[in-house]
Amino acid sequence: MSHKDTLHGLIDEIESQLVHAKLWQDAPIDPQALESVQPFAVDTMSFPQWLQFLFIPKMRILLDNQLPLPTKIAVAPMAEQVFCGQHQPLVEAIARLDSYLTSSAQV
């Protein structure tokens, strides 16, 4: 499996876990919420919304356009804090993506 395929799979898994946990939002988000400059857009959306509307789309754009990917990423600690022991498969999927991106950068 290629690097790109692996990353797409990890991102798809996060999306799948959001849906499974019933954290996926069917309605579009208010466009103004996307303009946040705060980490994880904490001032305008929930963490699951940030994953759905900012993180996942941005990662897919980077991959599909062969743009540089983050090399030091730590989304899992935020997920652990937000979910407080709940939605463990989602937290683990995020941690796998963090780990893969960080370890890939060192190769």
N, C-alpha and C. Protein backbone atom coordinates (compact mmCIF):
# COMPACT_ATOMS: atom_id res chain seq x y z
N MET A 1 0.85 -1.18 0.00
CA MET A 1 0.00 0.00 0.00
C MET A 1 0.90 1.25 0.00
N SER A 2 0.58 2.19 -0.85
CA SER A 2 1.39 3.40 -0.94
C SER A 2 1.16 4.31 0.26
N HIS A 3 2.08 5.24 0.43
CA HIS A 3 1.99 6.25 1.50
C HIS A 3 0.66 7.00 1.40
N LYS A 4 0.32 7.43 0.18
CA LYS A 4 -0.92 8.18 -0.04
C LYS A 4 -2.13 7.32 0.30
N ASP A 5 -2.13 6.05 -0.12
CA ASP A 5 -3.25 5.15 0.17
C ASP A 5 -3.39 4.92 1.67
N THR A 6 -2.27 4.77 2.34
CA THR A 6 -2.30 4.58 3.79
C THR A 6 -2.92 5.79 4.47
N LEU A 7 -2.51 6.97 4.06
CA LEU A 7 -3.05 8.19 4.66
C LEU A 7 -4.54 8.35 4.36
N HIS A 8 -4.94 8.07 3.14
CA HIS A 8 -6.37 8.14 2.81
C HIS A 8 -7.14 7.15 3.69
N GLY A 9 -6.60 5.98 3.88
CA GLY A 9 -7.25 4.98 4.73
C GLY A 9 -7.39 5.45 6.17
N LEU A 10 -6.35 6.08 6.70
CA LEU A 10 -6.41 6.59 8.07
C LEU A 10 -7.44 7.72 8.21
N ILE A 11 -7.48 8.59 7.23
CA ILE A 11 -8.46 9.68 7.25
C ILE A 11 -9.88 9.13 7.10
N ASP A 12 -10.05 8.15 6.22
CA ASP A 12 -11.36 7.51 6.06
C ASP A 12 -11.81 6.84 7.35
N GLU A 13 -10.86 6.26 8.07
CA GLU A 13 -11.18 5.61 9.34
C GLU A 13 -11.67 6.63 10.37
N ILE A 14 -11.05 7.78 10.43
CA ILE A 14 -11.51 8.83 11.34
C ILE A 14 -12.94 9.24 10.97
N GLU A 15 -13.19 9.43 9.69
CA GLU A 15 -14.54 9.79 9.25
C GLU A 15 -15.53 8.69 9.63
N SER A 16 -15.17 7.46 9.37
CA SER A 16 -16.04 6.33 9.69
C SER A 16 -16.35 6.27 11.19
N GLN A 17 -15.34 6.51 12.00
CA GLN A 17 -15.54 6.49 13.45
C GLN A 17 -16.42 7.65 13.92
N LEU A 18 -16.30 8.80 13.29
CA LEU A 18 -17.19 9.92 13.60
C LEU A 18 -18.64 9.55 13.30
N VAL A 19 -18.86 8.92 12.15
CA VAL A 19 -20.21 8.50 11.78
C VAL A 19 -20.72 7.45 12.76
N HIS A 20 -19.89 6.45 13.04
CA HIS A 20 -20.28 5.37 13.95
C HIS A 20 -20.64 5.90 15.34
N ALA A 21 -19.90 6.90 15.79
CA ALA A 21 -20.15 7.48 17.12
C ALA A 21 -21.31 8.49 17.10
N LYS A 22 -21.91 8.64 15.91
CA LYS A 22 -23.01 9.60 15.73
C LYS A 22 -22.57 11.05 16.02
N LEU A 23 -21.33 11.35 15.63
CA LEU A 23 -20.77 12.68 15.79
C LEU A 23 -20.68 13.41 14.45
N TRP A 24 -21.05 12.73 13.38
CA TRP A 24 -21.01 13.31 12.03
C TRP A 24 -22.25 14.17 11.86
N GLN A 25 -22.07 15.37 11.39
CA GLN A 25 -23.16 16.34 11.22
C GLN A 25 -23.60 16.36 9.76
N ASP A 26 -24.89 16.10 9.54
CA ASP A 26 -25.41 16.10 8.17
C ASP A 26 -25.56 17.52 7.61
N ALA A 27 -25.97 18.44 8.46
CA ALA A 27 -26.18 19.82 8.01
C ALA A 27 -24.83 20.53 7.85
N PRO A 28 -24.72 21.38 6.84
CA PRO A 28 -23.47 22.14 6.70
C PRO A 28 -23.27 23.09 7.87
N ILE A 29 -22.04 23.43 8.10
CA ILE A 29 -21.72 24.35 9.20
C ILE A 29 -21.83 25.79 8.68
N ASP A 30 -22.10 26.70 9.58
CA ASP A 30 -22.15 28.12 9.23
C ASP A 30 -20.77 28.52 8.68
N PRO A 31 -20.72 29.10 7.49
CA PRO A 31 -19.43 29.47 6.89
C PRO A 31 -18.57 30.36 7.79
N GLN A 32 -19.19 31.19 8.62
CA GLN A 32 -18.42 32.05 9.52
C GLN A 32 -17.63 31.22 10.54
N ALA A 33 -18.14 30.05 10.91
CA ALA A 33 -17.44 29.19 11.86
C ALA A 33 -16.10 28.73 11.31
N LEU A 34 -16.00 28.64 10.00
CA LEU A 34 -14.77 28.20 9.35
C LEU A 34 -13.67 29.25 9.37
N GLU A 35 -14.02 30.46 9.73
CA GLU A 35 -13.05 31.56 9.73
C GLU A 35 -12.27 31.69 11.04
N SER A 36 -12.50 30.81 11.97
CA SER A 36 -11.81 30.87 13.26
C SER A 36 -10.30 30.79 13.07
N VAL A 37 -9.58 31.49 13.91
CA VAL A 37 -8.12 31.40 13.91
C VAL A 37 -7.61 30.75 15.19
N GLN A 38 -8.52 30.32 16.05
CA GLN A 38 -8.15 29.65 17.29
C GLN A 38 -7.77 28.19 17.02
N PRO A 39 -6.88 27.62 17.83
CA PRO A 39 -6.57 26.20 17.66
C PRO A 39 -7.84 25.36 17.75
N PHE A 40 -7.97 24.43 16.84
CA PHE A 40 -9.13 23.54 16.78
C PHE A 40 -10.45 24.31 16.65
N ALA A 41 -10.40 25.57 16.29
CA ALA A 41 -11.58 26.42 16.12
C ALA A 41 -12.50 26.35 17.34
N VAL A 42 -11.89 26.32 18.51
CA VAL A 42 -12.67 26.14 19.76
C VAL A 42 -13.68 27.24 20.01
N ASP A 43 -13.49 28.37 19.36
CA ASP A 43 -14.41 29.48 19.59
C ASP A 43 -15.65 29.43 18.69
N THR A 44 -15.63 28.57 17.66
CA THR A 44 -16.75 28.57 16.73
C THR A 44 -17.38 27.20 16.48
N MET A 45 -16.73 26.13 16.91
CA MET A 45 -17.30 24.80 16.65
C MET A 45 -16.80 23.79 17.66
N SER A 46 -17.50 22.66 17.70
CA SER A 46 -17.09 21.56 18.56
C SER A 46 -15.90 20.84 17.92
N PHE A 47 -15.23 20.02 18.70
CA PHE A 47 -14.10 19.27 18.18
C PHE A 47 -14.53 18.32 17.04
N PRO A 48 -15.64 17.57 17.19
CA PRO A 48 -16.07 16.74 16.06
C PRO A 48 -16.36 17.56 14.80
N GLN A 49 -16.92 18.74 14.96
CA GLN A 49 -17.15 19.61 13.80
C GLN A 49 -15.83 20.03 13.19
N TRP A 50 -14.84 20.35 14.02
CA TRP A 50 -13.53 20.73 13.51
C TRP A 50 -12.93 19.59 12.69
N LEU A 51 -13.04 18.37 13.20
CA LEU A 51 -12.54 17.22 12.45
C LEU A 51 -13.25 17.11 11.10
N GLN A 52 -14.58 17.22 11.13
CA GLN A 52 -15.37 17.02 9.92
C GLN A 52 -15.22 18.14 8.90
N PHE A 53 -15.25 19.37 9.36
CA PHE A 53 -15.33 20.49 8.42
C PHE A 53 -14.00 21.17 8.11
N LEU A 54 -12.99 20.96 8.95
CA LEU A 54 -11.69 21.58 8.69
C LEU A 54 -10.58 20.54 8.50
N PHE A 55 -10.39 19.69 9.49
CA PHE A 55 -9.25 18.79 9.47
C PHE A 55 -9.31 17.78 8.33
N ILE A 56 -10.39 17.01 8.25
CA ILE A 56 -10.49 15.97 7.22
C ILE A 56 -10.43 16.57 5.81
N PRO A 57 -11.21 17.61 5.52
CA PRO A 57 -11.10 18.18 4.16
C PRO A 57 -9.70 18.72 3.83
N LYS A 58 -9.07 19.37 4.81
CA LYS A 58 -7.74 19.92 4.55
C LYS A 58 -6.72 18.81 4.30
N MET A 59 -6.80 17.75 5.08
CA MET A 59 -5.87 16.64 4.87
C MET A 59 -6.07 16.02 3.49
N ARG A 60 -7.31 15.88 3.08
CA ARG A 60 -7.59 15.32 1.74
C ARG A 60 -7.08 16.24 0.64
N ILE A 61 -7.23 17.53 0.80
CA ILE A 61 -6.72 18.49 -0.19
C ILE A 61 -5.20 18.39 -0.29
N LEU A 62 -4.53 18.34 0.85
CA LEU A 62 -3.07 18.22 0.85
C LEU A 62 -2.63 16.95 0.13
N LEU A 63 -3.28 15.85 0.45
CA LEU A 63 -2.93 14.57 -0.17
C LEU A 63 -3.19 14.57 -1.67
N ASP A 64 -4.39 14.98 -2.04
CA ASP A 64 -4.78 14.92 -3.45
C ASP A 64 -3.97 15.85 -4.33
N ASN A 65 -3.47 16.92 -3.76
CA ASN A 65 -2.68 17.88 -4.52
C ASN A 65 -1.18 17.72 -4.29
N GLN A 66 -0.80 16.65 -3.61
CA GLN A 66 0.60 16.34 -3.31
C GLN A 66 1.33 17.51 -2.68
N LEU A 67 0.64 18.16 -1.75
CA LEU A 67 1.22 19.27 -1.00
C LEU A 67 1.87 18.74 0.26
N PRO A 68 2.77 19.51 0.86
CA PRO A 68 3.43 19.03 2.08
C PRO A 68 2.42 18.75 3.19
N LEU A 69 2.63 17.63 3.85
CA LEU A 69 1.78 17.23 4.97
C LEU A 69 2.42 17.65 6.28
N PRO A 70 1.62 17.79 7.32
CA PRO A 70 2.22 18.12 8.62
C PRO A 70 3.16 17.00 9.05
N THR A 71 4.26 17.39 9.66
CA THR A 71 5.24 16.41 10.10
C THR A 71 5.27 16.25 11.62
N LYS A 72 4.74 17.20 12.30
CA LYS A 72 4.60 17.12 13.75
C LYS A 72 3.14 17.41 14.04
N ILE A 73 2.41 16.38 14.35
CA ILE A 73 0.97 16.52 14.52
C ILE A 73 0.58 15.87 15.84
N ALA A 74 -0.30 16.51 16.56
CA ALA A 74 -0.74 16.00 17.85
C ALA A 74 -2.22 16.35 18.06
N VAL A 75 -3.05 15.67 17.29
CA VAL A 75 -4.49 15.87 17.41
C VAL A 75 -5.06 14.94 18.49
N ALA A 76 -4.45 13.77 18.67
CA ALA A 76 -4.95 12.78 19.63
C ALA A 76 -5.05 13.32 21.06
N PRO A 77 -4.08 14.10 21.56
CA PRO A 77 -4.25 14.62 22.92
C PRO A 77 -5.52 15.47 23.08
N MET A 78 -5.86 16.24 22.06
CA MET A 78 -7.09 17.02 22.12
C MET A 78 -8.30 16.09 22.12
N ALA A 79 -8.26 15.07 21.29
CA ALA A 79 -9.36 14.09 21.25
C ALA A 79 -9.53 13.42 22.60
N GLU A 80 -8.42 13.03 23.21
CA GLU A 80 -8.49 12.39 24.53
C GLU A 80 -9.11 13.32 25.56
N GLN A 81 -8.74 14.57 25.52
CA GLN A 81 -9.27 15.55 26.46
C GLN A 81 -10.76 15.79 26.22
N VAL A 82 -11.14 15.96 24.97
CA VAL A 82 -12.54 16.26 24.64
C VAL A 82 -13.45 15.08 24.96
N PHE A 83 -13.03 13.88 24.62
CA PHE A 83 -13.90 12.73 24.74
C PHE A 83 -13.83 12.03 26.10
N CYS A 84 -12.86 12.36 26.91
CA CYS A 84 -12.77 11.87 28.30
C CYS A 84 -13.10 10.38 28.43
N GLY A 85 -12.41 9.55 27.68
CA GLY A 85 -12.61 8.11 27.78
C GLY A 85 -13.73 7.55 26.91
N GLN A 86 -14.47 8.40 26.26
CA GLN A 86 -15.52 7.94 25.35
C GLN A 86 -14.97 7.91 23.93
N HIS A 87 -15.67 7.23 23.06
CA HIS A 87 -15.34 7.16 21.63
C HIS A 87 -13.89 6.72 21.41
N GLN A 88 -13.48 5.70 22.15
CA GLN A 88 -12.09 5.25 22.11
C GLN A 88 -11.64 4.83 20.71
N PRO A 89 -12.48 4.14 19.91
CA PRO A 89 -12.02 3.81 18.54
C PRO A 89 -11.70 5.06 17.71
N LEU A 90 -12.43 6.13 17.90
CA LEU A 90 -12.16 7.39 17.20
C LEU A 90 -10.83 7.98 17.67
N VAL A 91 -10.63 8.01 18.97
CA VAL A 91 -9.38 8.54 19.53
C VAL A 91 -8.19 7.72 19.02
N GLU A 92 -8.35 6.41 18.97
CA GLU A 92 -7.27 5.54 18.49
C GLU A 92 -6.98 5.77 17.00
N ALA A 93 -8.02 5.99 16.21
CA ALA A 93 -7.82 6.28 14.78
C ALA A 93 -7.05 7.58 14.60
N ILE A 94 -7.39 8.59 15.40
CA ILE A 94 -6.67 9.87 15.34
C ILE A 94 -5.22 9.68 15.77
N ALA A 95 -5.01 8.89 16.80
CA ALA A 95 -3.65 8.64 17.28
C ALA A 95 -2.81 7.91 16.23
N ARG A 96 -3.43 6.99 15.49
CA ARG A 96 -2.70 6.30 14.42
C ARG A 96 -2.28 7.27 13.32
N LEU A 97 -3.16 8.20 12.98
CA LEU A 97 -2.80 9.20 11.98
C LEU A 97 -1.66 10.08 12.49
N ASP A 98 -1.76 10.56 13.73
CA ASP A 98 -0.68 11.35 14.33
C ASP A 98 0.64 10.61 14.22
N SER A 99 0.63 9.37 14.66
CA SER A 99 1.84 8.55 14.70
C SER A 99 2.39 8.32 13.30
N TYR A 100 1.54 8.01 12.36
CA TYR A 100 1.99 7.74 10.99
C TYR A 100 2.63 8.97 10.37
N LEU A 101 1.99 10.11 10.51
CA LEU A 101 2.55 11.34 9.94
C LEU A 101 3.88 11.71 10.59
N THR A 102 3.95 11.57 11.89
CA THR A 102 5.18 11.92 12.60
C THR A 102 6.31 10.96 12.23
N SER A 103 6.01 9.66 12.19
CA SER A 103 7.06 8.68 11.86
C SER A 103 7.44 8.76 10.39
N SER A 104 6.50 9.07 9.50
CA SER A 104 6.81 9.20 8.06
C SER A 104 7.74 10.36 7.80
N ALA A 105 7.62 11.39 8.60
CA ALA A 105 8.45 12.58 8.41
C ALA A 105 9.91 12.29 8.73
N GLN A 106 10.15 11.27 9.55
CA GLN A 106 11.51 10.97 9.98
C GLN A 106 12.21 10.00 9.04
N VAL A 107 11.49 9.51 8.05
CA VAL A 107 12.07 8.54 7.11
C VAL A 107 12.85 9.25 6.04
